[in-house]
Structures are given as structure tokens and as C-alpha cells.
Amino acid sequence: MTQVIVLNGGSSSGKSGIARCLQAVLPDPWLTLGTDTLVDAMPASMRASDTGIEFAPDGGVSVGPEFRTLEAAWIEGVAAMARAGARVIVDEVFLGGADSQQRWQKALRDLGVLWVGVRCDSAVAAGREIARGDRTAGMAAAQAEMVHRGVTYDVEVDTTRTESMACARAIAAQVR
């Protein structure tokens, strides 16, 4: 039985919209938690620190050891919620590609997980980034392919020309 759906894609690829649509189409209640949830929960001082997380003017993102420590605890916490009976959709950006997936795989090892790649053409994602106005310019283009390197999926969707609801239905069809 699927207990966790991990959506991985670059910034502005459409993961959050797909997560909301999944919550609408799946028959049971699902919580959505994402990397933005983690970053928003951190003290402001860690959002501009080489030990925390830094967003460069060109859209690059770097993370330091304090971020990794909190991230590891957060990942374990998400896994614990799933073990306790919550169904969880994880809205994630695998900045480290396969290494990021391995951190999640370790924490979710005994759970039913559906791994989903959310792809979007970098130019389309960059346009969405501009329209949103809440992201560093360049982040979407920088992450569009990088986050998928070495990552294996059960299903992939492409939001370049496909609406979030259609993507969510394709994903929901894979949920056991």
C-alpha cells in the first residue's frame, strides 16, 4: 500500500499544484509537506548562512551542515508520520540528485513509496518563476534537469504542456 508519494522536480515545475490536485482526487486524506515547509520553519538567520541554506543571485542554492542536520531530522519526522498512519505527499527538490533520493530512501525504507519525477521544460519553468515573483530568477532553469540526475522513478509526468490535474490523475492511477 502506498503511504508516501515523493514528488521531485525543480523549482516552478508544478509540484505544489500537482500535490493539491492529488489531495483532491485521492480517496483518502493526504498531508502535503515539502522542502519549502522545512525552509520556512527554519530561523531566518539560516536562510542566508553558509551553514544553513543560501540562495545565490543567479538562482543557485547551496546548503551547509546545519541545514543537513535539520533536514535529516525533518525527513525522519516525515517518515515517522507515515509510519503512524498519515498518508504523505512530499513536495521535494533533489538538489543532490541521486544522493538526495538515497537520504529519503533510507528514511522511508519500510514504507510503501511512489517515486514521481515532475519534469518541465526549463524555459517554461523560468516563465512560471517570473510570474510567481517569489523565487530567485534563474532557480527554475538551473534545477530543471539537475534534480533528476541519477534519480529513479516509478512514474514521471511533464507539466510543460500538461495541466496539474491530468498529472495528478496519472499519478493517482499508480497509487496502491
Protein backbone atom coordinates (compact mmCIF):
# COMPACT_ATOMS: atom_id res chain seq x y z
CA MET A 1 0.00 0.00 0.00
CA THR A 2 1.29 3.46 -0.91
CA GLN A 3 1.87 5.55 2.20
CA VAL A 4 4.17 8.20 0.74
CA ILE A 5 4.25 9.91 -2.65
CA VAL A 6 7.53 11.72 -3.30
CA LEU A 7 7.27 14.40 -5.99
CA ASN A 8 10.71 15.51 -7.17
CA GLY A 9 11.20 18.35 -9.59
CA GLY A 10 12.87 21.69 -9.98
CA SER A 11 11.54 24.99 -8.75
CA SER A 12 8.36 26.09 -10.57
CA SER A 13 7.94 22.69 -12.23
CA GLY A 14 4.39 22.32 -10.89
CA LYS A 15 4.87 20.01 -7.89
CA SER A 16 2.75 22.05 -5.49
CA GLY A 17 -0.16 22.24 -7.95
CA ILE A 18 0.04 18.50 -8.54
CA ALA A 19 0.11 17.89 -4.77
CA ARG A 20 -3.08 19.95 -4.30
CA CYS A 21 -4.76 18.06 -7.14
CA LEU A 22 -3.66 14.72 -5.67
CA GLN A 23 -5.29 15.71 -2.39
CA ALA A 24 -8.49 16.35 -4.35
CA VAL A 25 -8.52 13.12 -6.39
CA LEU A 26 -7.17 10.54 -3.94
CA PRO A 27 -9.93 8.88 -1.91
CA ASP A 28 -8.23 9.23 1.49
CA PRO A 29 -6.82 12.35 3.19
CA TRP A 30 -3.17 13.07 2.36
CA LEU A 31 -0.87 15.62 4.00
CA THR A 32 1.43 17.65 1.77
CA LEU A 33 4.84 18.59 3.16
CA GLY A 34 7.69 20.00 1.17
CA THR A 35 11.13 21.42 1.19
CA ASP A 36 9.54 24.88 1.37
CA THR A 37 7.85 23.74 4.61
CA LEU A 38 11.26 22.91 6.05
CA VAL A 39 12.91 26.13 4.89
CA ASP A 40 10.00 28.25 6.18
CA ALA A 41 10.26 26.54 9.59
CA MET A 42 13.94 27.45 9.94
CA PRO A 43 15.11 30.60 11.66
CA ALA A 44 15.61 33.48 9.23
CA SER A 45 19.31 33.51 10.09
CA MET A 46 19.70 30.05 8.50
CA ARG A 47 18.24 31.27 5.18
CA ALA A 48 21.28 33.40 4.46
CA SER A 49 24.10 31.44 6.04
CA ASP A 50 26.81 29.18 4.69
CA THR A 51 25.91 26.69 7.45
CA GLY A 52 22.19 26.88 6.56
CA ILE A 53 20.79 27.47 3.09
CA GLU A 54 21.79 30.20 0.68
CA PHE A 55 20.02 31.38 -2.46
CA ALA A 56 22.51 32.97 -4.84
CA PRO A 57 21.51 35.90 -7.08
CA ASP A 58 21.88 33.63 -10.15
CA GLY A 59 19.37 31.09 -8.77
CA GLY A 60 21.92 28.68 -7.34
CA VAL A 61 21.18 27.06 -3.99
CA SER A 62 23.79 25.82 -1.54
CA VAL A 63 23.25 24.07 1.75
CA GLY A 64 25.52 23.77 4.75
CA PRO A 65 25.96 21.35 7.66
CA GLU A 66 23.33 22.88 9.96
CA PHE A 67 20.76 22.65 7.16
CA ARG A 68 21.68 19.00 6.56
CA THR A 69 21.29 18.21 10.27
CA LEU A 70 17.80 19.74 10.40
CA GLU A 71 16.89 18.21 7.04
CA ALA A 72 17.84 14.73 8.29
CA ALA A 73 15.62 15.18 11.36
CA TRP A 74 12.79 16.52 9.22
CA ILE A 75 13.00 13.58 6.78
CA GLU A 76 12.87 11.15 9.72
CA GLY A 77 9.90 13.08 11.10
CA VAL A 78 8.01 12.84 7.81
CA ALA A 79 8.73 9.09 7.76
CA ALA A 80 7.51 8.78 11.36
CA MET A 81 4.22 10.46 10.42
CA ALA A 82 3.73 7.94 7.63
CA ARG A 83 4.55 5.05 9.99
CA ALA A 84 1.97 6.45 12.43
CA GLY A 85 -0.71 6.23 9.75
CA ALA A 86 -0.64 9.55 7.90
CA ARG A 87 -0.51 9.42 4.13
CA VAL A 88 2.06 11.96 2.98
CA ILE A 89 2.83 13.72 -0.30
CA VAL A 90 6.38 15.06 -0.24
CA ASP A 91 6.99 18.10 -2.48
CA GLU A 92 10.77 17.95 -2.85
CA VAL A 93 13.69 19.34 -4.84
CA PHE A 94 16.55 16.83 -5.00
CA LEU A 95 19.39 19.36 -5.27
CA GLY A 96 21.82 16.46 -4.87
CA GLY A 97 20.08 14.21 -7.42
CA ALA A 98 20.62 10.55 -6.53
CA ASP A 99 22.24 11.42 -3.17
CA SER A 100 19.09 13.28 -2.14
CA GLN A 101 16.91 10.34 -3.14
CA GLN A 102 19.12 7.99 -1.13
CA ARG A 103 18.57 10.07 2.03
CA TRP A 104 14.81 9.69 1.57
CA GLN A 105 15.06 6.00 0.63
CA LYS A 106 16.91 5.28 3.86
CA ALA A 107 14.27 7.02 5.99
CA LEU A 108 11.33 5.51 4.07
CA ARG A 109 12.84 2.02 3.72
CA ASP A 110 9.95 0.10 5.27
CA LEU A 111 7.12 2.18 3.79
CA GLY A 112 5.18 1.95 0.54
CA VAL A 113 6.60 4.80 -1.55
CA LEU A 114 5.67 6.02 -5.03
CA TRP A 115 8.59 7.94 -6.54
CA VAL A 116 7.43 10.59 -9.03
CA GLY A 117 9.56 12.70 -11.34
CA VAL A 118 7.96 16.05 -12.17
CA ARG A 119 9.57 17.43 -15.29
CA CYS A 120 9.08 20.76 -17.01
CA ASP A 121 10.93 22.41 -19.86
CA SER A 122 13.39 24.87 -18.34
CA ALA A 123 12.10 27.83 -20.39
CA VAL A 124 8.50 27.15 -19.31
CA ALA A 125 9.56 26.76 -15.67
CA ALA A 126 11.54 30.02 -15.92
CA GLY A 127 8.42 31.78 -17.22
CA ARG A 128 6.41 30.44 -14.28
CA GLU A 129 9.16 31.60 -11.93
CA ILE A 130 8.85 35.15 -13.24
CA ALA A 131 5.05 35.05 -12.99
CA ARG A 132 5.21 33.81 -9.39
CA GLY A 133 7.50 36.60 -8.31
CA ASP A 134 8.58 34.79 -5.13
CA ARG A 135 11.61 32.90 -6.43
CA THR A 136 15.15 33.92 -7.26
CA ALA A 137 15.46 34.39 -11.02
CA GLY A 138 17.42 31.54 -12.58
CA MET A 139 16.49 28.91 -9.99
CA ALA A 140 13.96 27.12 -12.22
CA ALA A 141 16.33 26.85 -15.20
CA ALA A 142 19.23 25.75 -13.00
CA GLN A 143 17.20 22.98 -11.36
CA ALA A 144 15.09 21.72 -14.29
CA GLU A 145 17.41 18.83 -15.19
CA MET A 146 19.88 18.78 -12.28
CA VAL A 147 17.35 17.44 -9.75
CA HIS A 148 16.67 14.34 -11.89
CA ARG A 149 20.29 13.21 -12.38
CA GLY A 150 20.67 9.61 -11.23
CA VAL A 151 17.17 9.51 -9.71
CA THR A 152 14.89 6.55 -10.41
CA TYR A 153 11.13 6.90 -10.55
CA ASP A 154 8.02 4.74 -10.60
CA VAL A 155 6.25 7.31 -12.75
CA GLU A 156 7.16 10.56 -14.46
CA VAL A 157 4.95 13.44 -15.52
CA ASP A 158 5.75 16.51 -17.62
CA THR A 159 3.96 19.74 -16.79
CA THR A 160 5.33 21.62 -19.80
CA ARG A 161 2.04 21.14 -21.68
CA THR A 162 0.00 19.02 -19.23
CA GLU A 163 -2.19 20.51 -16.53
CA SER A 164 -1.67 19.63 -12.87
CA MET A 165 -4.96 17.72 -12.62
CA ALA A 166 -4.09 15.45 -15.56
CA CYS A 167 -0.67 14.79 -13.99
CA ALA A 168 -2.31 14.09 -10.62
CA ARG A 169 -4.72 11.60 -12.21
CA ALA A 170 -1.81 9.79 -13.89
CA ILE A 171 -0.01 9.59 -10.54
CA ALA A 172 -3.16 8.58 -8.63
CA ALA A 173 -3.62 5.67 -11.04
CA GLN A 174 -0.30 4.28 -9.72
CA VAL A 175 -1.23 4.56 -6.04
CA ARG A 176 -1.99 1.17 -4.50
